[in-house]
Protein backbone atom coordinates (compact mmCIF):
# COMPACT_ATOMS: atom_id res chain seq x y z
CA UNK A 1 6.98 -3.19 26.27
CA UNK A 2 7.37 0.41 27.16
CA UNK A 3 7.35 1.13 30.81
CA UNK A 4 7.41 5.07 32.33
CA UNK A 5 10.50 5.96 34.06
CA UNK A 6 11.47 8.08 36.75
CA UNK A 7 14.87 10.05 36.41
CA UNK A 8 17.70 8.90 39.26
CA UNK A 9 19.13 10.54 42.48
CA UNK A 10 22.05 12.64 40.99
CA UNK A 11 24.73 9.88 42.59
CA UNK A 12 26.67 9.62 39.98
CA UNK A 13 28.02 11.89 36.69
CA UNK A 14 24.57 12.00 34.17
CA UNK A 15 24.93 12.22 30.46
CA UNK A 16 22.21 13.04 28.19
CA UNK A 17 23.02 12.64 24.42
CA UNK A 18 20.47 14.27 21.90
CA UNK A 19 20.12 13.11 18.72
CA UNK A 20 16.65 13.01 15.96
CA UNK A 21 16.91 9.28 15.96
CA UNK A 22 17.75 6.45 18.54
CA UNK A 23 17.26 2.89 18.65
CA UNK A 24 14.94 0.66 17.43
CA UNK A 25 16.01 3.30 14.25
CA UNK A 26 19.53 2.60 13.24
CA UNK A 27 22.74 4.67 11.53
CA UNK A 28 26.03 5.90 12.17
CA UNK A 29 25.43 8.34 14.72
CA UNK A 30 22.81 6.04 17.02
CA UNK A 31 24.75 2.78 16.67
CA UNK A 32 27.70 5.41 17.72
CA UNK A 33 25.79 6.69 20.59
CA UNK A 34 24.64 3.27 21.59
CA UNK A 35 28.09 1.71 21.91
CA UNK A 36 29.49 4.65 24.14
CA UNK A 37 26.47 4.90 26.18
CA UNK A 38 26.55 1.14 26.60
CA UNK A 39 30.29 1.20 27.62
CA UNK A 40 30.22 4.17 30.05
CA UNK A 41 27.44 2.53 32.29
CA UNK A 42 29.57 -0.22 32.77
CA UNK A 43 32.35 2.17 34.05
CA UNK A 44 29.25 3.78 36.77
CA UNK A 45 28.27 6.64 33.95
CA UNK A 46 24.29 7.42 33.90
CA UNK A 47 23.06 7.81 30.23
CA UNK A 48 20.33 8.91 28.88
CA UNK A 49 18.64 9.77 25.00
CA UNK A 50 16.76 12.41 24.04
CA UNK A 51 14.89 11.64 20.48
CA UNK A 52 11.93 11.82 18.58
CA UNK A 53 9.19 9.84 19.29
CA UNK A 54 8.67 8.83 15.72
CA UNK A 55 10.62 7.56 12.60
CA UNK A 56 12.27 10.55 10.81
CA UNK A 57 11.95 8.26 6.95
CA UNK A 58 8.72 7.34 8.43
CA UNK A 59 6.09 9.58 10.50
CA UNK A 60 3.74 6.37 10.98
CA UNK A 61 6.07 4.52 12.72
CA UNK A 62 5.86 5.81 16.29
CA UNK A 63 8.17 5.12 19.25
CA UNK A 64 6.89 4.96 23.29
CA UNK A 65 7.78 8.01 25.27
CA UNK A 66 10.16 6.34 27.29
CA UNK A 67 12.19 3.10 27.69
CA UNK A 68 15.23 1.50 28.66
CA UNK A 69 17.37 -0.42 26.43
CA UNK A 70 20.58 -2.42 28.30
CA UNK A 71 20.32 0.00 30.80
CA UNK A 72 20.28 3.41 28.37
CA UNK A 73 17.37 5.26 29.53
CA UNK A 74 15.32 7.08 26.76
CA UNK A 75 13.06 9.85 26.67
CA UNK A 76 11.23 10.54 22.90
CA UNK A 77 9.85 13.83 22.19
CA UNK A 78 7.32 14.63 19.15
CA UNK A 79 8.23 17.02 16.65
CA UNK A 80 7.00 18.58 13.36
CA UNK A 81 8.65 20.18 10.41
CA UNK A 82 11.41 19.10 8.11
CA UNK A 83 13.28 15.85 8.62
CA UNK A 84 16.42 17.58 8.58
CA UNK A 85 15.71 19.71 11.12
CA UNK A 86 12.53 18.89 12.89
CA UNK A 87 11.44 21.30 15.53
CA UNK A 88 10.55 19.23 18.71
CA UNK A 89 6.91 19.80 20.66
CA UNK A 90 8.04 18.95 24.22
CA UNK A 91 11.12 20.05 26.59
CA UNK A 92 11.48 18.26 29.42
CA UNK A 93 13.50 20.97 31.37
CA UNK A 94 13.56 18.48 34.25
CA UNK A 95 16.34 16.11 32.36
CA UNK A 96 18.18 18.92 31.25
CA UNK A 97 18.61 20.06 34.96
CA UNK A 98 19.27 16.48 36.30
CA UNK A 99 22.18 16.14 34.10
CA UNK A 100 26.15 17.20 34.40
CA UNK A 101 26.81 16.55 30.31
CA UNK A 102 24.71 17.61 27.66
CA UNK A 103 26.08 15.89 24.47
CA UNK A 104 24.36 16.72 21.33
CA UNK A 105 25.35 14.44 18.52
CA UNK A 106 22.91 15.83 15.60
CA UNK A 107 22.78 20.00 15.55
CA UNK A 108 20.20 19.87 13.73
CA UNK A 109 18.00 18.90 16.92
CA UNK A 110 17.52 21.29 20.26
CA UNK A 111 20.77 22.64 19.32
CA UNK A 112 19.41 26.43 20.31
CA UNK A 113 17.39 25.09 22.68
CA UNK A 114 20.85 23.15 24.89
CA UNK A 115 22.29 26.52 24.29
CA UNK A 116 20.10 28.34 26.11
CA UNK A 117 18.84 26.30 29.17
CA UNK A 118 22.83 26.10 29.76
CA UNK A 119 22.83 29.19 30.72
CA UNK A 120 20.21 28.18 33.53
CA UNK A 121 21.17 24.56 34.43
CA UNK A 122 25.23 24.90 34.03
CA UNK A 123 25.40 22.05 32.73
CA UNK A 124 28.62 20.76 29.91
CA UNK A 125 28.32 20.99 26.35
CA UNK A 126 29.87 18.60 24.13
CA UNK A 127 29.07 18.39 20.07
CA UNK A 128 30.53 15.13 18.53
CA UNK A 129 30.82 15.96 14.53
CA UNK A 130 29.22 13.09 12.89
CA UNK A 131 30.20 14.76 9.80
CA UNK A 132 28.53 18.38 10.40
CA UNK A 133 25.95 19.29 7.63
CA UNK A 134 28.08 18.06 4.85
CA UNK A 135 26.53 14.67 3.91
CA UNK A 136 24.91 15.63 1.12
CA UNK A 137 24.52 18.55 -1.37
CA UNK A 138 20.99 19.55 -0.65
CA UNK A 139 20.35 23.04 0.43
CA UNK A 140 24.10 23.84 -0.70
CA UNK A 141 24.05 27.50 -1.45
CA UNK A 142 21.79 27.87 2.26
CA UNK A 143 24.60 25.91 4.30
CA UNK A 144 27.07 28.12 2.53
CA UNK A 145 25.86 31.07 4.14
CA UNK A 146 24.48 29.95 6.88
CA UNK A 147 27.56 27.82 8.47
CA UNK A 148 30.09 30.61 8.56
CA UNK A 149 27.20 33.05 10.05
CA UNK A 150 25.14 31.33 12.62
CA UNK A 151 26.32 27.97 13.44
CA UNK A 152 29.94 28.25 13.66
CA UNK A 153 29.86 31.63 15.66
CA UNK A 154 26.86 30.07 17.90
CA UNK A 155 29.41 26.26 18.08
CA UNK A 156 32.63 28.77 19.27
CA UNK A 157 30.96 30.61 21.84
CA UNK A 158 28.28 27.97 23.90
CA UNK A 159 29.89 24.44 22.98
CA UNK A 160 32.59 23.14 25.74
CA UNK A 161 34.21 20.80 23.79
CA UNK A 162 34.20 19.38 19.98
CA UNK A 163 34.94 15.70 19.40
CA UNK A 164 35.33 15.15 16.03
CA UNK A 165 34.84 11.48 15.07
CA UNK A 166 36.68 11.60 11.45
CA UNK A 167 40.36 12.97 10.60
CA UNK A 168 38.36 15.25 7.51
CA UNK A 169 35.89 17.03 10.07
CA UNK A 170 38.81 17.35 12.95
CA UNK A 171 40.19 19.41 9.89
CA UNK A 172 37.43 21.61 9.52
CA UNK A 173 37.03 22.00 13.23
CA UNK A 174 40.39 22.51 14.53
CA UNK A 175 40.89 26.40 13.80
CA UNK A 176 37.40 27.18 15.47
CA UNK A 177 38.37 26.64 19.03
CA UNK A 178 41.13 25.29 21.57
CA UNK A 179 38.74 22.43 22.59
CA UNK A 180 38.35 20.35 20.11
CA UNK A 181 39.35 16.72 19.98
CA UNK A 182 40.21 13.94 17.77
CA UNK A 183 38.33 10.87 18.51
CA UNK A 184 37.43 8.33 15.85
CA UNK A 185 34.53 6.53 15.73
CA UNK A 186 34.67 2.77 17.27
CA UNK A 187 33.23 -0.38 16.54
CA UNK A 188 32.25 -3.66 18.61
CA UNK A 189 35.49 -5.37 16.80
CA UNK A 190 34.95 -8.68 18.93
CA UNK A 191 31.71 -8.84 17.66
CA UNK A 192 32.60 -8.44 13.80
CA UNK A 193 35.54 -10.60 14.23
CA UNK A 194 34.14 -13.11 15.29
CA UNK A 195 31.87 -13.67 12.14
CA UNK A 196 33.06 -17.11 10.13
CA UNK A 197 33.46 -16.13 6.67
CA UNK A 198 32.49 -18.43 4.58
CA UNK A 199 32.07 -16.37 1.00
CA UNK A 200 30.25 -17.14 -1.94
CA UNK A 201 31.17 -16.29 -5.54
CA UNK A 202 28.79 -13.32 -7.04
CA UNK A 203 26.96 -12.76 -3.50
CA UNK A 204 27.57 -8.80 -2.91
CA UNK A 205 26.19 -6.57 -0.01
CA UNK A 206 25.55 -3.10 0.97
CA UNK A 207 24.75 -2.32 4.67
CA UNK A 208 23.75 0.70 6.10
CA UNK A 209 21.54 3.73 5.88
CA UNK A 210 19.78 4.22 2.36
CA UNK A 211 19.99 7.97 1.44
CA UNK A 212 21.21 10.20 -1.22
CA UNK A 213 24.33 10.31 -0.57
CA UNK A 214 24.96 6.27 -0.35
CA UNK A 215 25.37 6.06 -3.42
CA UNK A 216 23.30 3.40 -4.94
CA UNK A 217 22.47 4.48 -7.81
CA UNK A 218 26.32 5.15 -9.24
CA UNK A 219 26.46 1.38 -8.06
CA UNK A 220 23.68 0.24 -9.90
CA UNK A 221 25.20 1.69 -12.76
CA UNK A 222 28.53 0.39 -12.53
CA UNK A 223 26.47 -3.34 -11.56
CA UNK A 224 24.48 -2.60 -14.80
CA UNK A 225 27.63 -3.40 -16.97
CA UNK A 226 28.49 -6.39 -15.49
CA UNK A 227 25.92 -8.52 -16.54
CA UNK A 228 27.73 -10.84 -17.91
CA UNK A 229 28.52 -12.36 -14.83
CA UNK A 230 26.63 -14.05 -11.97
CA UNK A 231 26.05 -11.98 -9.15
CA UNK A 232 23.21 -10.68 -7.08
CA UNK A 233 24.06 -7.70 -4.37
CA UNK A 234 21.65 -7.92 -0.67
CA UNK A 235 20.70 -4.39 0.42
CA UNK A 236 20.24 -4.22 3.91
CA UNK A 237 19.00 -1.16 5.52
CA UNK A 238 16.00 1.57 5.57
CA UNK A 239 15.65 5.03 4.23
CA UNK A 240 12.63 7.68 2.79
CA UNK A 241 10.14 5.69 0.46
CA UNK A 242 11.01 8.54 -2.17
CA UNK A 243 14.94 7.53 -2.39
CA UNK A 244 14.28 3.93 -2.01
CA UNK A 245 11.33 4.10 -4.50
CA UNK A 246 13.36 6.13 -7.29
CA UNK A 247 16.30 3.21 -6.44
CA UNK A 248 13.89 0.68 -7.67
CA UNK A 249 12.81 2.17 -10.45
CA UNK A 250 16.69 2.83 -11.41
CA UNK A 251 17.42 -0.79 -10.82
CA UNK A 252 14.17 -1.61 -13.33
CA UNK A 253 15.28 0.61 -15.72
CA UNK A 254 18.72 -0.64 -15.99
CA UNK A 255 18.04 -4.47 -16.17
CA UNK A 256 18.97 -5.28 -12.74
CA UNK A 257 16.62 -5.52 -10.33
CA UNK A 258 15.88 -8.98 -10.54
CA UNK A 259 19.41 -9.01 -8.88
CA UNK A 260 18.86 -6.61 -6.25
CA UNK A 261 17.26 -8.11 -3.23
CA UNK A 262 16.31 -5.25 -0.66
CA UNK A 263 15.83 -6.49 3.21
CA UNK A 264 14.93 -3.63 4.68
CA UNK A 265 15.91 -3.47 8.64
CA UNK A 266 17.61 -7.14 9.88
CA UNK A 267 18.52 -8.47 12.87
CA UNK A 268 21.68 -8.75 13.95
CA UNK A 269 22.14 -12.60 13.59
CA UNK A 270 20.56 -12.23 9.59
CA UNK A 271 23.01 -9.01 8.87
CA UNK A 272 26.00 -11.52 10.39
CA UNK A 273 24.48 -13.95 7.90
CA UNK A 274 24.90 -12.08 4.53
CA UNK A 275 28.35 -10.54 5.58
CA UNK A 276 29.80 -14.40 6.24
CA UNK A 277 28.39 -15.10 2.65
CA UNK A 278 29.68 -12.14 1.03
CA UNK A 279 32.04 -12.21 -1.56
CA UNK A 280 32.58 -8.10 -2.37
CA UNK A 281 30.93 -5.73 0.31
CA UNK A 282 30.46 -2.22 -1.22
CA UNK A 283 30.62 1.30 -0.04
CA UNK A 284 29.41 3.72 -2.53
CA UNK A 285 28.82 6.98 -0.75
CA UNK A 286 29.39 10.21 -2.34
CA UNK A 287 29.92 11.56 1.42
CA UNK A 288 30.73 10.00 4.82
CA UNK A 289 31.05 11.56 8.12
CA UNK A 290 33.26 8.78 8.90
CA UNK A 291 32.55 5.45 8.07
CA UNK A 292 30.65 2.67 10.78
CA UNK A 293 29.71 0.18 8.04
CA UNK A 294 32.87 -0.03 6.35
CA UNK A 295 35.18 -0.58 9.03
CA UNK A 296 32.64 -3.31 10.87
CA UNK A 297 33.29 -5.23 7.60
CA UNK A 298 36.62 -5.02 7.39
CA UNK A 299 36.32 -6.01 10.59
CA UNK A 300 34.83 -9.54 9.94
CA UNK A 301 37.53 -9.97 6.66
CA UNK A 302 35.08 -8.79 4.15
CA UNK A 303 37.21 -7.61 0.78
CA UNK A 304 35.56 -3.90 0.50
CA UNK A 305 35.04 -2.18 -2.50
CA UNK A 306 34.10 1.83 -1.62
CA UNK A 307 34.22 4.83 -3.40
CA UNK A 308 37.23 7.36 -3.18
CA UNK A 309 36.06 10.21 -0.84
CA UNK A 310 38.28 11.83 2.39
CA UNK A 311 36.51 9.19 4.82
CA UNK A 312 36.61 6.22 3.17
CA UNK A 313 40.67 6.76 1.39
CA UNK A 314 41.96 7.50 5.55
CA UNK A 315 40.47 4.37 6.38
CA UNK A 316 40.96 2.25 2.87
CA UNK A 317 44.96 1.85 1.44
CA UNK A 318 44.07 0.87 -2.32
CA UNK A 319 45.29 -3.00 -2.80
CA UNK A 320 46.25 -3.67 0.67
CA UNK A 321 43.58 -3.63 2.80
CA UNK A 322 40.68 -2.98 0.64
CA UNK A 323 39.92 -1.82 -2.45
CA UNK A 324 39.34 2.15 -3.49
CA UNK A 325 37.26 2.65 -6.98
CA UNK A 326 35.72 5.70 -8.46
CA UNK A 327 32.53 4.79 -8.91
CA UNK A 328 31.91 7.44 -11.43
CA UNK A 329 34.21 6.32 -13.87
CA UNK A 330 32.39 3.04 -14.51
CA UNK A 331 34.62 1.73 -16.92
CA UNK A 332 37.28 1.70 -14.67
CA UNK A 333 35.22 0.41 -11.91
CA UNK A 334 34.05 -2.34 -13.67
CA UNK A 335 37.53 -3.36 -14.72
CA UNK A 336 38.53 -3.75 -11.10
CA UNK A 337 35.63 -5.30 -9.77
CA UNK A 338 36.22 -8.18 -12.66
CA UNK A 339 40.03 -8.12 -11.24
CA UNK A 340 39.26 -8.51 -7.21
CA UNK A 341 36.38 -11.43 -8.44
CA UNK A 342 39.13 -13.29 -10.25
CA UNK A 343 42.00 -13.08 -7.48
CA UNK A 344 42.31 -14.44 -4.52
CA UNK A 345 42.13 -11.98 -1.94
CA UNK A 346 43.33 -13.57 1.32
CA UNK A 347 45.55 -11.80 2.51
CA UNK A 348 43.51 -8.38 1.89
CA UNK A 349 41.27 -9.79 4.31
CA UNK A 350 43.49 -10.46 6.72
CA UNK A 351 44.91 -7.11 6.68
CA UNK A 352 41.66 -5.99 6.49
CA UNK A 353 40.80 -7.01 10.33
CA UNK A 354 44.39 -6.27 11.50
CA UNK A 355 43.92 -2.64 10.55
CA UNK A 356 40.21 -2.45 12.05
CA UNK A 357 41.23 -3.75 15.65
CA UNK A 358 42.48 0.06 15.94
CA UNK A 359 38.62 1.49 16.30
CA UNK A 360 38.06 -0.71 19.18
CA UNK A 361 36.70 0.97 21.31
CA UNK A 362 38.14 0.39 24.64
CA UNK A 363 40.62 2.95 24.52
CA UNK A 364 38.27 5.71 22.68
CA UNK A 365 35.68 5.27 25.53
CA UNK A 366 38.58 6.35 28.04
CA UNK A 367 39.16 9.51 26.07
CA UNK A 368 35.79 10.44 26.08
CA UNK A 369 35.25 9.51 29.63
CA UNK A 370 38.21 12.24 30.11
CA UNK A 371 36.28 14.80 28.25
CA UNK A 372 33.45 14.06 30.62
CA UNK A 373 35.41 14.56 33.70
CA UNK A 374 37.91 17.45 33.10
């Protein structure tokens, strides 16, 4: 149940995280904020989240104005307009006045407001990239025009620190200003590494947000050429109805709709059950800022087959701790998946778990704290 909340007295450093979405909506950015904030709280920081009061994928799903989750104080405001850059209808000035750090996690939400208020309230302004604006090719021409003349100049002048969550983001921003740091995303390694693997032959899994850049359409095209094998695909995650319905229609047209199970949002317990049974976990995204779910699956020892994009190629060494394919090359991808299904992958699983240790949150939190305090 939601309850009204009062701002605490300013007796220790206060961090305000800003993002279009936060729990109960779950995606990579939301998970990042949650994992960072709950660890900072243990270390004596106070953490707030400012977000929308509705699900951007389903505006009918509304959330309460304020609540607390695991010590994280959440303030939600109404908004309107296109989901890519919603306009907030309330500005909680008291919240901005109280905090020491404003940490932007989405440059499309409260960006300009946070810059303006920085001149009044003198807080430190930090921006975490999370893939910046390159997740899809939507509005590619407009992005090409607006980024160099609008976003980059504002970031350079007003953002105090840029935190790049992946090597590709760092390469993009490193020349912009001095205070650019590479701190890759972390995962709750202990939690995922404890999942007991009991894979079932032919049981496939995709988990994460459902969107255009996630590549489920090209995965379906690949799997449609494997009807001679026994398999089914579990899909865990949510997205816009139009995207989900389009994918369901594609699966039907390809003749694989009876093999695809749409779970929607699942509890952690149920997700872990599916991860434990997965023969292969697929990651067909055409663009990612990092690859949260890939590293989580690796921490569980899953056999991961990922698209050959920059973010995934910096994590997976092909045929060592996972497999990289070009999902658009259907014939080669089908051939490789069939080989994986026939072979023993115990060493791949072991190496995946070992590699994922480097993404444990502990060291990364120390680095983030140092940026707050310095």
